[in-house]
Amino acid sequence: HFTEIRKIVRAAHEKAGLSDHYSVYHMVAGGP
């Protein structure tokens, strides 16, 4: 569900040509 929403958010950024930058990470060890 999170992945689906973040793809929608990214597509909106691309369509609007926004100037910000961000990187998304997923924890795989050391916590939930």
PDB file of all heavy atoms in Angstrom:
ATOM      1  N   HIS A   1       0.843  -1.201   0.000  1.00  0.00           N
ATOM      2  CA  HIS A   1       0.000   0.000   0.000  1.00  0.00           C
ATOM      3  C   HIS A   1       0.876   1.248   0.000  1.00  0.00           C
ATOM      4  O   HIS A   1       0.636   2.205  -0.740  1.00  0.00           O
ATOM      5  CB  HIS A   1      -0.913  -0.017   1.230  1.00  0.00           C
ATOM      6  CG  HIS A   1      -2.055   0.942   1.141  1.00  0.00           C
ATOM      7  ND1 HIS A   1      -2.998   1.079   2.143  1.00  0.00           N
ATOM      8  CD2 HIS A   1      -2.407   1.857   0.191  1.00  0.00           C
ATOM      9  CE1 HIS A   1      -3.882   2.006   1.793  1.00  0.00           C
ATOM     10  NE2 HIS A   1      -3.533   2.498   0.625  1.00  0.00           N
ATOM     11  N   PHE A   2       1.941   1.222   0.830  1.00  0.00           N
ATOM     12  CA  PHE A   2       2.879   2.346   0.893  1.00  0.00           C
ATOM     13  C   PHE A   2       3.542   2.546  -0.462  1.00  0.00           C
ATOM     14  O   PHE A   2       3.662   3.677  -0.960  1.00  0.00           O
ATOM     15  CB  PHE A   2       3.940   2.085   1.962  1.00  0.00           C
ATOM     16  CG  PHE A   2       5.056   3.093   1.998  1.00  0.00           C
ATOM     17  CD1 PHE A   2       4.909   4.304   2.653  1.00  0.00           C
ATOM     18  CD2 PHE A   2       6.269   2.834   1.358  1.00  0.00           C
ATOM     19  CE1 PHE A   2       5.932   5.238   2.683  1.00  0.00           C
ATOM     20  CE2 PHE A   2       7.302   3.761   1.377  1.00  0.00           C
ATOM     21  CZ  PHE A   2       7.125   4.971   2.044  1.00  0.00           C
ATOM     22  N   THR A   3       3.989   1.452  -1.078  1.00  0.00           N
ATOM     23  CA  THR A   3       4.634   1.535  -2.388  1.00  0.00           C
ATOM     24  C   THR A   3       3.697   2.140  -3.424  1.00  0.00           C
ATOM     25  O   THR A   3       4.106   3.000  -4.224  1.00  0.00           O
ATOM     26  CB  THR A   3       5.080   0.133  -2.843  1.00  0.00           C
ATOM     27  OG1 THR A   3       6.035  -0.383  -1.915  1.00  0.00           O
ATOM     28  CG2 THR A   3       5.709   0.186  -4.221  1.00  0.00           C
ATOM     29  N   GLU A   4       2.454   1.712  -3.421  1.00  0.00           N
ATOM     30  CA  GLU A   4       1.472   2.236  -4.368  1.00  0.00           C
ATOM     31  C   GLU A   4       1.307   3.751  -4.213  1.00  0.00           C
ATOM     32  O   GLU A   4       1.312   4.491  -5.201  1.00  0.00           O
ATOM     33  CB  GLU A   4       0.123   1.552  -4.139  1.00  0.00           C
ATOM     34  CG  GLU A   4      -0.998   2.109  -5.006  1.00  0.00           C
ATOM     35  CD  GLU A   4      -2.376   1.644  -4.561  1.00  0.00           C
ATOM     36  OE1 GLU A   4      -2.462   0.822  -3.614  1.00  0.00           O
ATOM     37  OE2 GLU A   4      -3.380   2.110  -5.141  1.00  0.00           O
ATOM     38  N   ILE A   5       1.191   4.206  -2.981  1.00  0.00           N
ATOM     39  CA  ILE A   5       0.976   5.640  -2.726  1.00  0.00           C
ATOM     40  C   ILE A   5       2.204   6.448  -3.104  1.00  0.00           C
ATOM     41  O   ILE A   5       2.093   7.526  -3.713  1.00  0.00           O
ATOM     42  CB  ILE A   5       0.613   5.867  -1.246  1.00  0.00           C
ATOM     43  CG1 ILE A   5      -0.731   5.219  -0.939  1.00  0.00           C
ATOM     44  CG2 ILE A   5       0.578   7.347  -0.917  1.00  0.00           C
ATOM     45  CD1 ILE A   5      -1.870   5.675  -1.830  1.00  0.00           C
ATOM     46  N   ARG A   6       3.394   5.944  -2.785  1.00  0.00           N
ATOM     47  CA  ARG A   6       4.609   6.697  -3.110  1.00  0.00           C
ATOM     48  C   ARG A   6       4.819   6.782  -4.622  1.00  0.00           C
ATOM     49  O   ARG A   6       5.398   7.750  -5.122  1.00  0.00           O
ATOM     50  CB  ARG A   6       5.834   6.077  -2.443  1.00  0.00           C
ATOM     51  CG  ARG A   6       5.888   6.166  -0.929  1.00  0.00           C
ATOM     52  CD  ARG A   6       5.641   7.552  -0.383  1.00  0.00           C
ATOM     53  NE  ARG A   6       6.528   8.560  -0.959  1.00  0.00           N
ATOM     54  CZ  ARG A   6       6.544   9.841  -0.584  1.00  0.00           C
ATOM     55  NH1 ARG A   6       5.707  10.262   0.351  1.00  0.00           N
ATOM     56  NH2 ARG A   6       7.369  10.704  -1.144  1.00  0.00           N
ATOM     57  N   LYS A   7       4.362   5.780  -5.363  1.00  0.00           N
ATOM     58  CA  LYS A   7       4.443   5.860  -6.827  1.00  0.00           C
ATOM     59  C   LYS A   7       3.497   6.939  -7.357  1.00  0.00           C
ATOM     60  O   LYS A   7       3.822   7.655  -8.307  1.00  0.00           O
ATOM     61  CB  LYS A   7       4.104   4.501  -7.447  1.00  0.00           C
ATOM     62  CG  LYS A   7       5.225   3.468  -7.305  1.00  0.00           C
ATOM     63  CD  LYS A   7       4.859   2.165  -7.998  1.00  0.00           C
ATOM     64  CE  LYS A   7       6.013   1.164  -7.905  1.00  0.00           C
ATOM     65  NZ  LYS A   7       5.685  -0.133  -8.559  1.00  0.00           N
ATOM     66  N   ILE A   8       2.355   7.067  -6.729  1.00  0.00           N
ATOM     67  CA  ILE A   8       1.406   8.118  -7.107  1.00  0.00           C
ATOM     68  C   ILE A   8       2.006   9.484  -6.811  1.00  0.00           C
ATOM     69  O   ILE A   8       1.911  10.415  -7.625  1.00  0.00           O
ATOM     70  CB  ILE A   8       0.070   7.935  -6.353  1.00  0.00           C
ATOM     71  CG1 ILE A   8      -0.656   6.688  -6.853  1.00  0.00           C
ATOM     72  CG2 ILE A   8      -0.813   9.168  -6.511  1.00  0.00           C
ATOM     73  CD1 ILE A   8      -1.906   6.337  -6.055  1.00  0.00           C
ATOM     74  N   VAL A   9       2.654   9.600  -5.654  1.00  0.00           N
ATOM     75  CA  VAL A   9       3.281  10.869  -5.257  1.00  0.00           C
ATOM     76  C   VAL A   9       4.411  11.222  -6.228  1.00  0.00           C
ATOM     77  O   VAL A   9       4.532  12.368  -6.666  1.00  0.00           O
ATOM     78  CB  VAL A   9       3.818  10.776  -3.816  1.00  0.00           C
ATOM     79  CG1 VAL A   9       4.692  11.977  -3.482  1.00  0.00           C
ATOM     80  CG2 VAL A   9       2.655  10.680  -2.835  1.00  0.00           C
ATOM     81  N   ARG A  10       5.226  10.247  -6.567  1.00  0.00           N
ATOM     82  CA  ARG A  10       6.321  10.505  -7.503  1.00  0.00           C
ATOM     83  C   ARG A  10       5.791  10.938  -8.873  1.00  0.00           C
ATOM     84  O   ARG A  10       6.319  11.883  -9.477  1.00  0.00           O
ATOM     85  CB  ARG A  10       7.191   9.261  -7.660  1.00  0.00           C
ATOM     86  CG  ARG A  10       8.210   9.397  -8.787  1.00  0.00           C
ATOM     87  CD  ARG A  10       9.073   8.184  -8.962  1.00  0.00           C
ATOM     88  NE  ARG A  10       9.791   8.266 -10.221  1.00  0.00           N
ATOM     89  CZ  ARG A  10      10.997   7.764 -10.437  1.00  0.00           C
ATOM     90  NH1 ARG A  10      11.646   7.146  -9.475  1.00  0.00           N
ATOM     91  NH2 ARG A  10      11.565   7.868 -11.614  1.00  0.00           N
ATOM     92  N   ALA A  11       4.771  10.257  -9.356  1.00  0.00           N
ATOM     93  CA  ALA A  11       4.190  10.605 -10.660  1.00  0.00           C
ATOM     94  C   ALA A  11       3.673  12.042 -10.649  1.00  0.00           C
ATOM     95  O   ALA A  11       3.812  12.767 -11.651  1.00  0.00           O
ATOM     96  CB  ALA A  11       3.065   9.632 -11.004  1.00  0.00           C
ATOM     97  N   ALA A  12       3.096  12.470  -9.538  1.00  0.00           N
ATOM     98  CA  ALA A  12       2.601  13.846  -9.426  1.00  0.00           C
ATOM     99  C   ALA A  12       3.757  14.842  -9.443  1.00  0.00           C
ATOM    100  O   ALA A  12       3.663  15.909 -10.052  1.00  0.00           O
ATOM    101  CB  ALA A  12       1.777  14.000  -8.154  1.00  0.00           C
ATOM    102  N   HIS A  13       4.860  14.484  -8.795  1.00  0.00           N
ATOM    103  CA  HIS A  13       6.058  15.337  -8.821  1.00  0.00           C
ATOM    104  C   HIS A  13       6.559  15.495 -10.255  1.00  0.00           C
ATOM    105  O   HIS A  13       6.901  16.603 -10.690  1.00  0.00           O
ATOM    106  CB  HIS A  13       7.157  14.734  -7.955  1.00  0.00           C
ATOM    107  CG  HIS A  13       7.073  15.110  -6.512  1.00  0.00           C
ATOM    108  ND1 HIS A  13       6.083  14.661  -5.677  1.00  0.00           N
ATOM    109  CD2 HIS A  13       7.869  15.908  -5.751  1.00  0.00           C
ATOM    110  CE1 HIS A  13       6.271  15.156  -4.462  1.00  0.00           C
ATOM    111  NE2 HIS A  13       7.340  15.919  -4.480  1.00  0.00           N
ATOM    112  N   GLU A  14       6.620  14.385 -10.965  1.00  0.00           N
ATOM    113  CA  GLU A  14       7.117  14.418 -12.344  1.00  0.00           C
ATOM    114  C   GLU A  14       6.190  15.223 -13.250  1.00  0.00           C
ATOM    115  O   GLU A  14       6.650  16.023 -14.072  1.00  0.00           O
ATOM    116  CB  GLU A  14       7.267  12.994 -12.869  1.00  0.00           C
ATOM    117  CG  GLU A  14       8.367  12.196 -12.175  1.00  0.00           C
ATOM    118  CD  GLU A  14       8.389  10.745 -12.600  1.00  0.00           C
ATOM    119  OE1 GLU A  14       7.345  10.250 -13.097  1.00  0.00           O
ATOM    120  OE2 GLU A  14       9.436  10.087 -12.415  1.00  0.00           O
ATOM    121  N   LYS A  15       4.903  15.026 -13.088  1.00  0.00           N
ATOM    122  CA  LYS A  15       3.935  15.741 -13.923  1.00  0.00           C
ATOM    123  C   LYS A  15       3.996  17.245 -13.671  1.00  0.00           C
ATOM    124  O   LYS A  15       3.917  18.047 -14.617  1.00  0.00           O
ATOM    125  CB  LYS A  15       2.525  15.216 -13.641  1.00  0.00           C
ATOM    126  CG  LYS A  15       1.457  15.834 -14.525  1.00  0.00           C
ATOM    127  CD  LYS A  15       0.090  15.205 -14.253  1.00  0.00           C
ATOM    128  CE  LYS A  15      -0.987  15.821 -15.142  1.00  0.00           C
ATOM    129  NZ  LYS A  15      -2.327  15.203 -14.874  1.00  0.00           N
ATOM    130  N   ALA A  16       4.165  17.626 -12.407  1.00  0.00           N
ATOM    131  CA  ALA A  16       4.212  19.049 -12.062  1.00  0.00           C
ATOM    132  C   ALA A  16       5.602  19.643 -12.272  1.00  0.00           C
ATOM    133  O   ALA A  16       5.764  20.863 -12.217  1.00  0.00           O
ATOM    134  CB  ALA A  16       3.775  19.248 -10.613  1.00  0.00           C
ATOM    135  N   GLY A  17       6.614  18.796 -12.503  1.00  0.00           N
ATOM    136  CA  GLY A  17       7.979  19.279 -12.702  1.00  0.00           C
ATOM    137  C   GLY A  17       8.534  19.974 -11.476  1.00  0.00           C
ATOM    138  O   GLY A  17       9.197  21.012 -11.588  1.00  0.00           O
ATOM    139  N   LEU A  18       8.299  19.411 -10.297  1.00  0.00           N
ATOM    140  CA  LEU A  18       8.730  20.042  -9.050  1.00  0.00           C
ATOM    141  C   LEU A  18      10.250  20.011  -8.920  1.00  0.00           C
ATOM    142  O   LEU A  18      10.931  19.140  -9.469  1.00  0.00           O
ATOM    143  CB  LEU A  18       8.070  19.354  -7.858  1.00  0.00           C
ATOM    144  CG  LEU A  18       6.535  19.344  -7.869  1.00  0.00           C
ATOM    145  CD1 LEU A  18       5.996  18.753  -6.581  1.00  0.00           C
ATOM    146  CD2 LEU A  18       5.985  20.756  -8.079  1.00  0.00           C
ATOM    147  N   SER A  19      10.777  20.947  -8.156  1.00  0.00           N
ATOM    148  CA  SER A  19      12.229  21.137  -8.064  1.00  0.00           C
ATOM    149  C   SER A  19      12.875  20.436  -6.877  1.00  0.00           C
ATOM    150  O   SER A  19      14.094  20.508  -6.717  1.00  0.00           O
ATOM    151  CB  SER A  19      12.548  22.632  -7.982  1.00  0.00           C
ATOM    152  OG  SER A  19      11.946  23.206  -6.832  1.00  0.00           O
ATOM    153  N   ASP A  20      12.096  19.780  -6.028  1.00  0.00           N
ATOM    154  CA  ASP A  20      12.697  19.154  -4.857  1.00  0.00           C
ATOM    155  C   ASP A  20      13.326  17.804  -5.208  1.00  0.00           C
ATOM    156  O   ASP A  20      13.219  17.324  -6.340  1.00  0.00           O
ATOM    157  CB  ASP A  20      11.661  19.006  -3.735  1.00  0.00           C
ATOM    158  CG  ASP A  20      10.431  18.219  -4.167  1.00  0.00           C
ATOM    159  OD1 ASP A  20      10.220  18.103  -5.390  1.00  0.00           O
ATOM    160  OD2 ASP A  20       9.700  17.718  -3.302  1.00  0.00           O
ATOM    161  N   HIS A  21      14.008  17.212  -4.232  1.00  0.00           N
ATOM    162  CA  HIS A  21      14.714  15.942  -4.416  1.00  0.00           C
ATOM    163  C   HIS A  21      14.463  15.089  -3.176  1.00  0.00           C
ATOM    164  O   HIS A  21      14.468  15.602  -2.058  1.00  0.00           O
ATOM    165  CB  HIS A  21      16.225  16.159  -4.556  1.00  0.00           C
ATOM    166  CG  HIS A  21      16.602  17.192  -5.575  1.00  0.00           C
ATOM    167  ND1 HIS A  21      16.970  16.866  -6.867  1.00  0.00           N
ATOM    168  CD2 HIS A  21      16.667  18.554  -5.495  1.00  0.00           C
ATOM    169  CE1 HIS A  21      17.244  17.970  -7.536  1.00  0.00           C
ATOM    170  NE2 HIS A  21      17.069  19.007  -6.729  1.00  0.00           N
ATOM    171  N   TYR A  22      14.292  13.786  -3.366  1.00  0.00           N
ATOM    172  CA  TYR A  22      14.179  12.922  -2.192  1.00  0.00           C
ATOM    173  C   TYR A  22      14.518  11.482  -2.569  1.00  0.00           C
ATOM    174  O   TYR A  22      14.405  11.072  -3.717  1.00  0.00           O
ATOM    175  CB  TYR A  22      12.793  13.007  -1.551  1.00  0.00           C
ATOM    176  CG  TYR A  22      11.627  12.575  -2.422  1.00  0.00           C
ATOM    177  CD1 TYR A  22      11.309  11.221  -2.593  1.00  0.00           C
ATOM    178  CD2 TYR A  22      10.818  13.527  -3.047  1.00  0.00           C
ATOM    179  CE1 TYR A  22      10.240  10.830  -3.376  1.00  0.00           C
ATOM    180  CE2 TYR A  22       9.735  13.137  -3.836  1.00  0.00           C
ATOM    181  CZ  TYR A  22       9.445  11.788  -3.988  1.00  0.00           C
ATOM    182  OH  TYR A  22       8.378  11.396  -4.767  1.00  0.00           O
ATOM    183  N   SER A  23      14.951  10.740  -1.560  1.00  0.00           N
ATOM    184  CA  SER A  23      15.288   9.329  -1.724  1.00  0.00           C
ATOM    185  C   SER A  23      14.549   8.528  -0.665  1.00  0.00           C
ATOM    186  O   SER A  23      14.487   8.930   0.498  1.00  0.00           O
ATOM    187  CB  SER A  23      16.794   9.112  -1.578  1.00  0.00           C
ATOM    188  OG  SER A  23      17.500   9.825  -2.573  1.00  0.00           O
ATOM    189  N   VAL A  24      14.030   7.377  -1.056  1.00  0.00           N
ATOM    190  CA  VAL A  24      13.239   6.536  -0.162  1.00  0.00           C
ATOM    191  C   VAL A  24      14.009   5.254   0.154  1.00  0.00           C
ATOM    192  O   VAL A  24      14.554   4.617  -0.750  1.00  0.00           O
ATOM    193  CB  VAL A  24      11.878   6.184  -0.792  1.00  0.00           C
ATOM    194  CG1 VAL A  24      11.053   5.321   0.170  1.00  0.00           C
ATOM    195  CG2 VAL A  24      11.112   7.459  -1.163  1.00  0.00           C
ATOM    196  N   TYR A  25      14.048   4.899   1.447  1.00  0.00           N
ATOM    197  CA  TYR A  25      14.731   3.689   1.903  1.00  0.00           C
ATOM    198  C   TYR A  25      13.798   2.845   2.760  1.00  0.00           C
ATOM    199  O   TYR A  25      12.940   3.376   3.481  1.00  0.00           O
ATOM    200  CB  TYR A  25      15.978   4.055   2.723  1.00  0.00           C
ATOM    201  CG  TYR A  25      17.176   4.359   1.872  1.00  0.00           C
ATOM    202  CD1 TYR A  25      17.372   5.633   1.355  1.00  0.00           C
ATOM    203  CD2 TYR A  25      18.115   3.383   1.571  1.00  0.00           C
ATOM    204  CE1 TYR A  25      18.472   5.927   0.551  1.00  0.00           C
ATOM    205  CE2 TYR A  25      19.218   3.655   0.778  1.00  0.00           C
ATOM    206  CZ  TYR A  25      19.388   4.929   0.277  1.00  0.00           C
ATOM    207  OH  TYR A  25      20.476   5.206  -0.525  1.00  0.00           O
ATOM    208  N   HIS A  26      14.017   1.539   2.708  1.00  0.00           N
ATOM    209  CA  HIS A  26      13.215   0.572   3.462  1.00  0.00           C
ATOM    210  C   HIS A  26      14.129  -0.209   4.398  1.00  0.00           C
ATOM    211  O   HIS A  26      15.164  -0.737   3.967  1.00  0.00           O
ATOM    212  CB  HIS A  26      12.514  -0.389   2.485  1.00  0.00           C
ATOM    213  CG  HIS A  26      11.718  -1.452   3.147  1.00  0.00           C
ATOM    214  ND1 HIS A  26      11.579  -2.726   2.619  1.00  0.00           N
ATOM    215  CD2 HIS A  26      11.012  -1.454   4.315  1.00  0.00           C
ATOM    216  CE1 HIS A  26      10.821  -3.458   3.413  1.00  0.00           C
ATOM    217  NE2 HIS A  26      10.467  -2.716   4.458  1.00  0.00           N
ATOM    218  N   MET A  27      13.770  -0.284   5.668  1.00  0.00           N
ATOM    219  CA  MET A  27      14.584  -1.030   6.625  1.00  0.00           C
ATOM    220  C   MET A  27      14.464  -2.526   6.374  1.00  0.00           C
ATOM    221  O   MET A  27      13.357  -3.070   6.274  1.00  0.00           O
ATOM    222  CB  MET A  27      14.169  -0.707   8.058  1.00  0.00           C
ATOM    223  CG  MET A  27      14.860  -1.552   9.107  1.00  0.00           C
ATOM    224  SD  MET A  27      14.587  -0.964  10.796  1.00  0.00           S
ATOM    225  CE  MET A  27      16.009   0.121  10.983  1.00  0.00           C
ATOM    226  N   VAL A  28      15.618  -3.203   6.292  1.00  0.00           N
ATOM    227  CA  VAL A  28      15.624  -4.652   6.067  1.00  0.00           C
ATOM    228  C   VAL A  28      16.251  -5.416   7.222  1.00  0.00           C
ATOM    229  O   VAL A  28      16.119  -6.642   7.302  1.00  0.00           O
ATOM    230  CB  VAL A  28      16.356  -4.999   4.752  1.00  0.00           C
ATOM    231  CG1 VAL A  28      15.605  -4.438   3.564  1.00  0.00           C
ATOM    232  CG2 VAL A  28      17.801  -4.484   4.761  1.00  0.00           C
ATOM    233  N   ALA A  29      16.937  -4.704   8.143  1.00  0.00           N
ATOM    234  CA  ALA A  29      17.544  -5.358   9.305  1.00  0.00           C
ATOM    235  C   ALA A  29      17.817  -4.310  10.373  1.00  0.00           C
ATOM    236  O   ALA A  29      18.097  -3.151  10.070  1.00  0.00           O
ATOM    237  CB  ALA A  29      18.848  -6.062   8.920  1.00  0.00           C
ATOM    238  N   GLY A  30      17.713  -4.737  11.635  1.00  0.00           N
ATOM    239  CA  GLY A  30      18.003  -3.830  12.734  1.00  0.00           C
ATOM    240  C   GLY A  30      16.778  -3.168  13.331  1.00  0.00           C
ATOM    241  O   GLY A  30      16.892  -2.356  14.252  1.00  0.00           O
ATOM    242  N   GLY A  31      15.591  -3.509  12.829  1.00  0.00           N
ATOM    243  CA  GLY A  31      14.362  -2.901  13.312  1.00  0.00           C
ATOM    244  C   GLY A  31      13.185  -3.426  12.525  1.00  0.00           C
ATOM    245  O   GLY A  31      13.324  -4.335  11.692  1.00  0.00           O
ATOM    246  N   PRO A  32      12.009  -2.859  12.744  1.00  0.00           N
ATOM    247  CA  PRO A  32      10.818  -3.343  12.041  1.00  0.00           C
ATOM    248  C   PRO A  32      10.897  -3.100  10.533  1.00  0.00           C
ATOM    249  O   PRO A  32      11.292  -2.022  10.090  1.00  0.00           O
ATOM    250  CB  PRO A  32       9.674  -2.534  12.677  1.00  0.00           C
ATOM    251  CG  PRO A  32      10.333  -1.311  13.215  1.00  0.00           C
ATOM    252  CD  PRO A  32      11.692  -1.745  13.666  1.00  0.00           C
TER     253      PRO A  32
END
